[in-house]
Amino acid sequence: MKCAGAFLLLGTCLLCGIRAAKQLDRKAAQIRLLRQLVTDLMNELRYTLAPVGHLLRTLAGHAAYRELAFLQNAAANADAFPQSWQTAVQSDGQLMPEAAAVLETVGQTLGSTALDGQLSALELCCERLSSLQAEAEQSAQKKGALYRSLGLFGGLFCVILLL
């Protein structure tokens, strides 16, 4: 019975470390998806010159972006664009604060200037997201291994203490 409890404790600590590492991976994947969203916005804007509401509805309909709750909310209220975008980004608790700040800039940019100005601003946002993605991937690589090791060794430490 004591051995079963020790294995359960060790497994629980290990799973906590693995979960923490996976959260870092999810953050990096989310930023990668946001960068792709901004790139797609730029391409749609450049080649179709569609109104902002149509752009949002089109991108929200793509299967790749269905998990982005803020985009779905903004597309649902696309007629009130700048305010609906800002509200959707600010109310989405899944977004990292740095990524949310970049997305707010996207919302302020779309439809507010000439095409070249919008594309330039979106390019800057894309570059900022690229640097955030690189930081998140580096953090996930370094800290992910650390979190998994801490989970394992923390569990071993607890088992040794209890035995």
N, C-alpha and C. Protein backbone atom coordinates (compact mmCIF):
# COMPACT_ATOMS: atom_id res chain seq x y z
N MET A 1 0.82 -1.19 0.00
CA MET A 1 0.00 0.00 0.00
C MET A 1 0.87 1.26 0.00
N LYS A 2 1.95 1.17 0.76
CA LYS A 2 2.85 2.31 0.85
C LYS A 2 3.52 2.57 -0.50
N CYS A 3 3.87 1.49 -1.19
CA CYS A 3 4.49 1.62 -2.51
C CYS A 3 3.51 2.22 -3.51
N ALA A 4 2.26 1.82 -3.44
CA ALA A 4 1.26 2.37 -4.36
C ALA A 4 1.10 3.87 -4.12
N GLY A 5 1.07 4.28 -2.89
CA GLY A 5 0.97 5.71 -2.57
C GLY A 5 2.19 6.47 -3.05
N ALA A 6 3.37 5.86 -2.92
CA ALA A 6 4.61 6.50 -3.38
C ALA A 6 4.59 6.67 -4.89
N PHE A 7 4.16 5.65 -5.61
CA PHE A 7 4.08 5.75 -7.07
C PHE A 7 3.03 6.77 -7.49
N LEU A 8 1.94 6.82 -6.78
CA LEU A 8 0.90 7.80 -7.08
C LEU A 8 1.41 9.23 -6.87
N LEU A 9 2.12 9.44 -5.79
CA LEU A 9 2.69 10.76 -5.50
C LEU A 9 3.74 11.14 -6.55
N LEU A 10 4.59 10.20 -6.88
CA LEU A 10 5.61 10.45 -7.90
C LEU A 10 4.96 10.77 -9.24
N GLY A 11 3.96 10.00 -9.62
CA GLY A 11 3.27 10.23 -10.89
C GLY A 11 2.56 11.57 -10.92
N THR A 12 1.95 11.95 -9.80
CA THR A 12 1.26 13.23 -9.73
C THR A 12 2.23 14.39 -9.90
N CYS A 13 3.35 14.35 -9.23
CA CYS A 13 4.35 15.41 -9.35
C CYS A 13 4.91 15.47 -10.77
N LEU A 14 5.16 14.32 -11.34
CA LEU A 14 5.67 14.27 -12.71
C LEU A 14 4.66 14.85 -13.69
N LEU A 15 3.39 14.51 -13.53
CA LEU A 15 2.35 15.04 -14.40
C LEU A 15 2.21 16.56 -14.24
N CYS A 16 2.40 17.07 -13.03
CA CYS A 16 2.36 18.52 -12.83
C CYS A 16 3.48 19.20 -13.60
N GLY A 17 4.66 18.62 -13.60
CA GLY A 17 5.77 19.17 -14.36
C GLY A 17 5.52 19.12 -15.85
N ILE A 18 4.96 18.01 -16.31
CA ILE A 18 4.66 17.87 -17.74
C ILE A 18 3.59 18.86 -18.16
N ARG A 19 2.59 19.06 -17.31
CA ARG A 19 1.52 20.02 -17.62
C ARG A 19 2.07 21.44 -17.72
N ALA A 20 2.95 21.81 -16.80
CA ALA A 20 3.55 23.15 -16.85
C ALA A 20 4.36 23.34 -18.13
N ALA A 21 5.07 22.30 -18.55
CA ALA A 21 5.84 22.37 -19.80
C ALA A 21 4.92 22.49 -21.00
N LYS A 22 3.79 21.79 -20.99
CA LYS A 22 2.84 21.86 -22.11
C LYS A 22 2.19 23.23 -22.20
N GLN A 23 1.99 23.90 -21.08
CA GLN A 23 1.44 25.26 -21.11
C GLN A 23 2.38 26.21 -21.84
N LEU A 24 3.67 26.03 -21.62
CA LEU A 24 4.64 26.86 -22.35
C LEU A 24 4.59 26.57 -23.85
N ASP A 25 4.43 25.29 -24.21
CA ASP A 25 4.32 24.93 -25.62
C ASP A 25 3.05 25.53 -26.24
N ARG A 26 1.95 25.54 -25.47
CA ARG A 26 0.70 26.11 -25.98
C ARG A 26 0.83 27.61 -26.22
N LYS A 27 1.57 28.30 -25.34
CA LYS A 27 1.76 29.74 -25.54
C LYS A 27 2.52 30.01 -26.83
N ALA A 28 3.56 29.24 -27.08
CA ALA A 28 4.33 29.40 -28.31
C ALA A 28 3.46 29.10 -29.53
N ALA A 29 2.64 28.06 -29.45
CA ALA A 29 1.76 27.71 -30.57
C ALA A 29 0.71 28.79 -30.79
N GLN A 30 0.21 29.38 -29.72
CA GLN A 30 -0.78 30.45 -29.86
C GLN A 30 -0.19 31.67 -30.56
N ILE A 31 1.02 32.03 -30.19
CA ILE A 31 1.65 33.18 -30.83
C ILE A 31 1.93 32.88 -32.31
N ARG A 32 2.32 31.66 -32.61
CA ARG A 32 2.54 31.25 -34.00
C ARG A 32 1.23 31.40 -34.79
N LEU A 33 0.12 30.99 -34.19
CA LEU A 33 -1.18 31.11 -34.84
C LEU A 33 -1.58 32.57 -35.03
N LEU A 34 -1.30 33.40 -34.03
CA LEU A 34 -1.62 34.83 -34.15
C LEU A 34 -0.79 35.49 -35.25
N ARG A 35 0.47 35.08 -35.36
CA ARG A 35 1.31 35.62 -36.43
C ARG A 35 0.76 35.22 -37.79
N GLN A 36 0.30 33.98 -37.89
CA GLN A 36 -0.31 33.53 -39.14
C GLN A 36 -1.59 34.30 -39.43
N LEU A 37 -2.35 34.61 -38.40
CA LEU A 37 -3.57 35.41 -38.57
C LEU A 37 -3.25 36.79 -39.14
N VAL A 38 -2.26 37.45 -38.57
CA VAL A 38 -1.88 38.78 -39.06
C VAL A 38 -1.36 38.69 -40.49
N THR A 39 -0.60 37.66 -40.80
CA THR A 39 -0.10 37.47 -42.17
C THR A 39 -1.27 37.27 -43.13
N ASP A 40 -2.24 36.45 -42.73
CA ASP A 40 -3.41 36.23 -43.58
C ASP A 40 -4.23 37.51 -43.73
N LEU A 41 -4.33 38.30 -42.66
CA LEU A 41 -5.01 39.59 -42.76
C LEU A 41 -4.32 40.48 -43.79
N MET A 42 -3.00 40.52 -43.74
CA MET A 42 -2.25 41.33 -44.69
C MET A 42 -2.50 40.85 -46.13
N ASN A 43 -2.45 39.55 -46.34
CA ASN A 43 -2.64 39.01 -47.68
C ASN A 43 -4.06 39.26 -48.20
N GLU A 44 -5.05 39.03 -47.35
CA GLU A 44 -6.44 39.27 -47.76
C GLU A 44 -6.66 40.75 -48.07
N LEU A 45 -6.11 41.61 -47.24
CA LEU A 45 -6.25 43.04 -47.45
C LEU A 45 -5.55 43.48 -48.73
N ARG A 46 -4.37 42.96 -48.94
CA ARG A 46 -3.58 43.34 -50.11
C ARG A 46 -4.23 42.88 -51.42
N TYR A 47 -4.76 41.66 -51.44
CA TYR A 47 -5.21 41.09 -52.69
C TYR A 47 -6.71 41.21 -52.94
N THR A 48 -7.51 41.41 -51.88
CA THR A 48 -8.96 41.51 -52.11
C THR A 48 -9.51 42.90 -51.85
N LEU A 49 -8.80 43.69 -51.05
CA LEU A 49 -9.26 45.02 -50.66
C LEU A 49 -10.66 44.98 -50.06
N ALA A 50 -10.97 43.89 -49.37
CA ALA A 50 -12.29 43.71 -48.78
C ALA A 50 -12.44 44.61 -47.56
N PRO A 51 -13.67 44.98 -47.22
CA PRO A 51 -13.89 45.75 -46.00
C PRO A 51 -13.50 44.93 -44.77
N VAL A 52 -13.25 45.63 -43.68
CA VAL A 52 -12.75 44.97 -42.48
C VAL A 52 -13.73 43.92 -41.97
N GLY A 53 -15.01 44.22 -41.97
CA GLY A 53 -16.00 43.25 -41.50
C GLY A 53 -15.96 41.96 -42.29
N HIS A 54 -15.83 42.09 -43.61
CA HIS A 54 -15.75 40.90 -44.47
C HIS A 54 -14.46 40.12 -44.18
N LEU A 55 -13.35 40.84 -43.97
CA LEU A 55 -12.09 40.17 -43.64
C LEU A 55 -12.22 39.35 -42.37
N LEU A 56 -12.81 39.95 -41.36
CA LEU A 56 -12.95 39.24 -40.08
C LEU A 56 -13.83 38.01 -40.22
N ARG A 57 -14.94 38.16 -40.92
CA ARG A 57 -15.84 37.00 -41.09
C ARG A 57 -15.17 35.89 -41.89
N THR A 58 -14.41 36.27 -42.91
CA THR A 58 -13.71 35.28 -43.73
C THR A 58 -12.68 34.52 -42.90
N LEU A 59 -11.86 35.26 -42.16
CA LEU A 59 -10.81 34.60 -41.38
C LEU A 59 -11.40 33.80 -40.21
N ALA A 60 -12.46 34.29 -39.62
CA ALA A 60 -13.09 33.55 -38.52
C ALA A 60 -13.69 32.24 -39.00
N GLY A 61 -14.01 32.17 -40.29
CA GLY A 61 -14.57 30.94 -40.84
C GLY A 61 -13.53 29.87 -41.14
N HIS A 62 -12.25 30.24 -41.17
CA HIS A 62 -11.19 29.26 -41.42
C HIS A 62 -11.07 28.31 -40.23
N ALA A 63 -10.89 27.06 -40.52
CA ALA A 63 -10.80 26.05 -39.46
C ALA A 63 -9.61 26.30 -38.53
N ALA A 64 -8.53 26.84 -39.07
CA ALA A 64 -7.33 27.07 -38.26
C ALA A 64 -7.56 28.10 -37.17
N TYR A 65 -8.51 29.01 -37.39
CA TYR A 65 -8.71 30.11 -36.44
C TYR A 65 -9.95 29.92 -35.57
N ARG A 66 -10.56 28.77 -35.61
CA ARG A 66 -11.77 28.54 -34.81
C ARG A 66 -11.49 28.58 -33.32
N GLU A 67 -10.26 28.26 -32.92
CA GLU A 67 -9.94 28.24 -31.49
C GLU A 67 -9.64 29.63 -30.93
N LEU A 68 -9.54 30.63 -31.79
CA LEU A 68 -9.28 32.00 -31.34
C LEU A 68 -10.62 32.65 -30.98
N ALA A 69 -10.93 32.64 -29.70
CA ALA A 69 -12.23 33.14 -29.23
C ALA A 69 -12.40 34.62 -29.54
N PHE A 70 -11.34 35.40 -29.41
CA PHE A 70 -11.47 36.83 -29.64
C PHE A 70 -11.84 37.11 -31.10
N LEU A 71 -11.30 36.33 -32.03
CA LEU A 71 -11.60 36.53 -33.44
C LEU A 71 -13.06 36.18 -33.73
N GLN A 72 -13.54 35.12 -33.13
CA GLN A 72 -14.94 34.73 -33.32
C GLN A 72 -15.87 35.82 -32.78
N ASN A 73 -15.54 36.36 -31.60
CA ASN A 73 -16.36 37.42 -31.01
C ASN A 73 -16.31 38.70 -31.84
N ALA A 74 -15.13 39.05 -32.32
CA ALA A 74 -15.00 40.26 -33.14
C ALA A 74 -15.72 40.10 -34.47
N ALA A 75 -15.67 38.91 -35.05
CA ALA A 75 -16.35 38.67 -36.32
C ALA A 75 -17.87 38.69 -36.14
N ALA A 76 -18.34 38.26 -34.98
CA ALA A 76 -19.78 38.27 -34.72
C ALA A 76 -20.32 39.70 -34.67
N ASN A 77 -19.49 40.64 -34.23
CA ASN A 77 -19.88 42.05 -34.15
C ASN A 77 -19.02 42.89 -35.10
N ALA A 78 -18.80 42.40 -36.28
CA ALA A 78 -17.88 43.05 -37.21
C ALA A 78 -18.37 44.42 -37.66
N ASP A 79 -19.66 44.69 -37.55
CA ASP A 79 -20.17 45.99 -37.98
C ASP A 79 -19.69 47.12 -37.07
N ALA A 80 -19.44 46.81 -35.82
CA ALA A 80 -18.91 47.80 -34.87
C ALA A 80 -17.43 47.52 -34.68
N PHE A 81 -16.68 47.51 -35.78
CA PHE A 81 -15.34 46.94 -35.78
C PHE A 81 -14.35 47.43 -34.73
N PRO A 82 -13.92 48.62 -34.69
CA PRO A 82 -12.80 48.87 -33.78
C PRO A 82 -13.14 48.55 -32.33
N GLN A 83 -14.36 48.90 -31.92
CA GLN A 83 -14.74 48.65 -30.53
C GLN A 83 -14.92 47.15 -30.26
N SER A 84 -15.50 46.42 -31.20
CA SER A 84 -15.72 44.99 -30.98
C SER A 84 -14.39 44.25 -30.93
N TRP A 85 -13.42 44.66 -31.73
CA TRP A 85 -12.09 44.04 -31.72
C TRP A 85 -11.41 44.28 -30.38
N GLN A 86 -11.41 45.54 -29.94
CA GLN A 86 -10.75 45.89 -28.67
C GLN A 86 -11.40 45.13 -27.52
N THR A 87 -12.72 45.11 -27.49
CA THR A 87 -13.44 44.41 -26.42
C THR A 87 -13.13 42.92 -26.45
N ALA A 88 -13.13 42.34 -27.64
CA ALA A 88 -12.87 40.90 -27.76
C ALA A 88 -11.45 40.55 -27.32
N VAL A 89 -10.48 41.37 -27.70
CA VAL A 89 -9.09 41.10 -27.32
C VAL A 89 -8.91 41.27 -25.82
N GLN A 90 -9.48 42.32 -25.26
CA GLN A 90 -9.31 42.58 -23.83
C GLN A 90 -10.03 41.56 -22.96
N SER A 91 -11.12 41.00 -23.45
CA SER A 91 -11.88 40.05 -22.63
C SER A 91 -11.41 38.61 -22.79
N ASP A 92 -10.50 38.34 -23.72
CA ASP A 92 -10.00 36.98 -23.93
C ASP A 92 -8.88 36.69 -22.94
N GLY A 93 -9.17 35.90 -21.95
CA GLY A 93 -8.20 35.57 -20.91
C GLY A 93 -7.13 34.59 -21.35
N GLN A 94 -7.28 33.98 -22.52
CA GLN A 94 -6.30 33.02 -23.01
C GLN A 94 -5.09 33.68 -23.66
N LEU A 95 -5.22 34.96 -24.03
CA LEU A 95 -4.14 35.65 -24.72
C LEU A 95 -3.08 36.13 -23.73
N MET A 96 -1.83 36.01 -24.14
CA MET A 96 -0.75 36.58 -23.35
C MET A 96 -0.85 38.10 -23.44
N PRO A 97 -0.48 38.83 -22.38
CA PRO A 97 -0.60 40.29 -22.41
C PRO A 97 0.18 40.95 -23.54
N GLU A 98 1.37 40.42 -23.84
CA GLU A 98 2.18 41.00 -24.92
C GLU A 98 1.50 40.80 -26.27
N ALA A 99 0.94 39.62 -26.48
CA ALA A 99 0.24 39.34 -27.74
C ALA A 99 -1.04 40.16 -27.83
N ALA A 100 -1.73 40.34 -26.71
CA ALA A 100 -2.95 41.15 -26.70
C ALA A 100 -2.63 42.60 -27.07
N ALA A 101 -1.50 43.11 -26.62
CA ALA A 101 -1.11 44.48 -26.95
C ALA A 101 -0.87 44.62 -28.46
N VAL A 102 -0.25 43.62 -29.05
CA VAL A 102 -0.02 43.65 -30.50
C VAL A 102 -1.35 43.57 -31.25
N LEU A 103 -2.26 42.73 -30.76
CA LEU A 103 -3.56 42.60 -31.41
C LEU A 103 -4.39 43.87 -31.29
N GLU A 104 -4.24 44.59 -30.19
CA GLU A 104 -4.94 45.86 -30.06
C GLU A 104 -4.43 46.85 -31.11
N THR A 105 -3.13 46.80 -31.38
CA THR A 105 -2.56 47.65 -32.43
C THR A 105 -3.13 47.27 -33.79
N VAL A 106 -3.31 45.99 -34.02
CA VAL A 106 -3.93 45.53 -35.27
C VAL A 106 -5.33 46.13 -35.41
N GLY A 107 -6.09 46.09 -34.32
CA GLY A 107 -7.45 46.63 -34.36
C GLY A 107 -7.48 48.13 -34.61
N GLN A 108 -6.50 48.84 -34.09
CA GLN A 108 -6.43 50.28 -34.31
C GLN A 108 -6.00 50.61 -35.73
N THR A 109 -5.29 49.69 -36.36
CA THR A 109 -4.72 49.93 -37.69
C THR A 109 -5.71 49.64 -38.81
N LEU A 110 -6.41 48.52 -38.70
CA LEU A 110 -7.29 48.09 -39.79
C LEU A 110 -8.38 49.12 -40.08
N GLY A 111 -8.48 49.50 -41.33
CA GLY A 111 -9.54 50.39 -41.77
C GLY A 111 -9.35 51.85 -41.39
N SER A 112 -8.24 52.19 -40.76
CA SER A 112 -8.08 53.57 -40.30
C SER A 112 -7.19 54.41 -41.20
N THR A 113 -6.39 53.79 -42.05
CA THR A 113 -5.50 54.54 -42.93
C THR A 113 -5.59 53.97 -44.35
N ALA A 114 -4.75 54.50 -45.20
CA ALA A 114 -4.69 53.99 -46.58
C ALA A 114 -4.10 52.58 -46.56
N LEU A 115 -4.24 51.90 -47.66
CA LEU A 115 -3.80 50.51 -47.76
C LEU A 115 -2.32 50.35 -47.40
N ASP A 116 -1.47 51.19 -47.95
CA ASP A 116 -0.04 51.07 -47.67
C ASP A 116 0.27 51.26 -46.19
N GLY A 117 -0.41 52.19 -45.55
CA GLY A 117 -0.21 52.42 -44.12
C GLY A 117 -0.66 51.22 -43.30
N GLN A 118 -1.78 50.64 -43.68
CA GLN A 118 -2.27 49.46 -42.97
C GLN A 118 -1.32 48.30 -43.12
N LEU A 119 -0.84 48.09 -44.33
CA LEU A 119 0.08 46.97 -44.58
C LEU A 119 1.39 47.16 -43.83
N SER A 120 1.89 48.39 -43.79
CA SER A 120 3.13 48.66 -43.05
C SER A 120 2.94 48.40 -41.56
N ALA A 121 1.84 48.87 -41.01
CA ALA A 121 1.58 48.66 -39.59
C ALA A 121 1.38 47.18 -39.28
N LEU A 122 0.70 46.47 -40.15
CA LEU A 122 0.50 45.04 -39.94
C LEU A 122 1.82 44.28 -40.06
N GLU A 123 2.70 44.73 -40.92
CA GLU A 123 4.02 44.12 -41.05
C GLU A 123 4.81 44.29 -39.75
N LEU A 124 4.72 45.47 -39.16
CA LEU A 124 5.38 45.70 -37.86
C LEU A 124 4.80 44.80 -36.78
N CYS A 125 3.48 44.65 -36.78
CA CYS A 125 2.83 43.76 -35.81
C CYS A 125 3.28 42.32 -36.02
N CYS A 126 3.42 41.92 -37.26
CA CYS A 126 3.87 40.57 -37.58
C CYS A 126 5.30 40.35 -37.09
N GLU A 127 6.15 41.35 -37.27
CA GLU A 127 7.53 41.25 -36.79
C GLU A 127 7.56 41.16 -35.26
N ARG A 128 6.73 41.93 -34.59
CA ARG A 128 6.68 41.87 -33.13
C ARG A 128 6.20 40.49 -32.67
N LEU A 129 5.20 39.95 -33.35
CA LEU A 129 4.73 38.60 -33.01
C LEU A 129 5.81 37.56 -33.29
N SER A 130 6.61 37.76 -34.32
CA SER A 130 7.70 36.83 -34.62
C SER A 130 8.72 36.82 -33.49
N SER A 131 9.04 38.00 -32.97
CA SER A 131 10.00 38.05 -31.86
C SER A 131 9.38 37.45 -30.59
N LEU A 132 8.09 37.69 -30.36
CA LEU A 132 7.42 37.06 -29.22
C LEU A 132 7.40 35.54 -29.36
N GLN A 133 7.20 35.08 -30.59
CA GLN A 133 7.18 33.64 -30.84
C GLN A 133 8.55 33.04 -30.57
N ALA A 134 9.60 33.70 -31.02
CA ALA A 134 10.95 33.18 -30.79
C ALA A 134 11.25 33.12 -29.29
N GLU A 135 10.84 34.15 -28.55
CA GLU A 135 11.04 34.15 -27.10
C GLU A 135 10.26 33.02 -26.45
N ALA A 136 9.01 32.84 -26.87
CA ALA A 136 8.17 31.80 -26.27
C ALA A 136 8.70 30.40 -26.59
N GLU A 137 9.18 30.19 -27.80
CA GLU A 137 9.73 28.88 -28.16
C GLU A 137 11.01 28.60 -27.40
N GLN A 138 11.84 29.62 -27.25
CA GLN A 138 13.08 29.45 -26.48
C GLN A 138 12.76 29.16 -25.01
N SER A 139 11.79 29.87 -24.47
CA SER A 139 11.37 29.64 -23.09
C SER A 139 10.79 28.24 -22.91
N ALA A 140 9.99 27.82 -23.87
CA ALA A 140 9.39 26.49 -23.80
C ALA A 140 10.45 25.41 -23.85
N GLN A 141 11.47 25.63 -24.65
CA GLN A 141 12.54 24.64 -24.76
C GLN A 141 13.34 24.56 -23.47
N LYS A 142 13.74 25.70 -22.95
CA LYS A 142 14.58 25.71 -21.75
C LYS A 142 13.78 25.38 -20.49
N LYS A 143 12.71 26.11 -20.29
CA LYS A 143 11.94 25.93 -19.06
C LYS A 143 11.13 24.64 -19.08
N GLY A 144 10.75 24.17 -20.26
CA GLY A 144 9.98 22.93 -20.34
C GLY A 144 10.75 21.76 -19.77
N ALA A 145 12.01 21.64 -20.14
CA ALA A 145 12.85 20.56 -19.60
C ALA A 145 13.02 20.74 -18.09
N LEU A 146 13.17 21.98 -17.66
CA LEU A 146 13.31 22.26 -16.23
C LEU A 146 12.06 21.86 -15.47
N TYR A 147 10.88 22.21 -15.98
CA TYR A 147 9.63 21.87 -15.30
C TYR A 147 9.43 20.36 -15.22
N ARG A 148 9.74 19.65 -16.28
CA ARG A 148 9.60 18.19 -16.24
C ARG A 148 10.56 17.59 -15.22
N SER A 149 11.78 18.09 -15.20
CA SER A 149 12.77 17.59 -14.23
C SER A 149 12.36 17.92 -12.80
N LEU A 150 11.87 19.13 -12.60
CA LEU A 150 11.41 19.51 -11.26
C LEU A 150 10.26 18.63 -10.80
N GLY A 151 9.36 18.31 -11.71
CA GLY A 151 8.25 17.42 -11.36
C GLY A 151 8.75 16.05 -10.93
N LEU A 152 9.69 15.51 -11.69
CA LEU A 152 10.23 14.19 -11.37
C LEU A 152 11.00 14.22 -10.05
N PHE A 153 11.93 15.17 -9.93
CA PHE A 153 12.75 15.20 -8.72
C PHE A 153 11.98 15.67 -7.50
N GLY A 154 10.99 16.54 -7.69
CA GLY A 154 10.13 16.92 -6.58
C GLY A 154 9.33 15.73 -6.07
N GLY A 155 8.84 14.93 -7.01
CA GLY A 155 8.11 13.72 -6.62
C GLY A 155 9.01 12.73 -5.91
N LEU A 156 10.22 12.55 -6.42
CA LEU A 156 11.18 11.65 -5.75
C LEU A 156 11.49 12.15 -4.34
N PHE A 157 11.68 13.46 -4.21
CA PHE A 157 11.97 14.04 -2.90
C PHE A 157 10.84 13.77 -1.91
N CYS A 158 9.59 13.97 -2.37
CA CYS A 158 8.44 13.74 -1.50
C CYS A 158 8.33 12.26 -1.11
N VAL A 159 8.60 11.37 -2.06
CA VAL A 159 8.52 9.93 -1.78
C VAL A 159 9.58 9.55 -0.76
N ILE A 160 10.77 10.07 -0.92
CA ILE A 160 11.87 9.77 0.03
C ILE A 160 11.51 10.30 1.42
N LEU A 161 10.94 11.47 1.48
CA LEU A 161 10.55 12.03 2.77
C LEU A 161 9.47 11.19 3.46
N LEU A 162 8.56 10.68 2.69
CA LEU A 162 7.45 9.93 3.26
C LEU A 162 7.82 8.48 3.58
N LEU A 163 8.85 7.95 2.96
CA LEU A 163 9.25 6.57 3.24
C LEU A 163 10.14 6.55 4.41
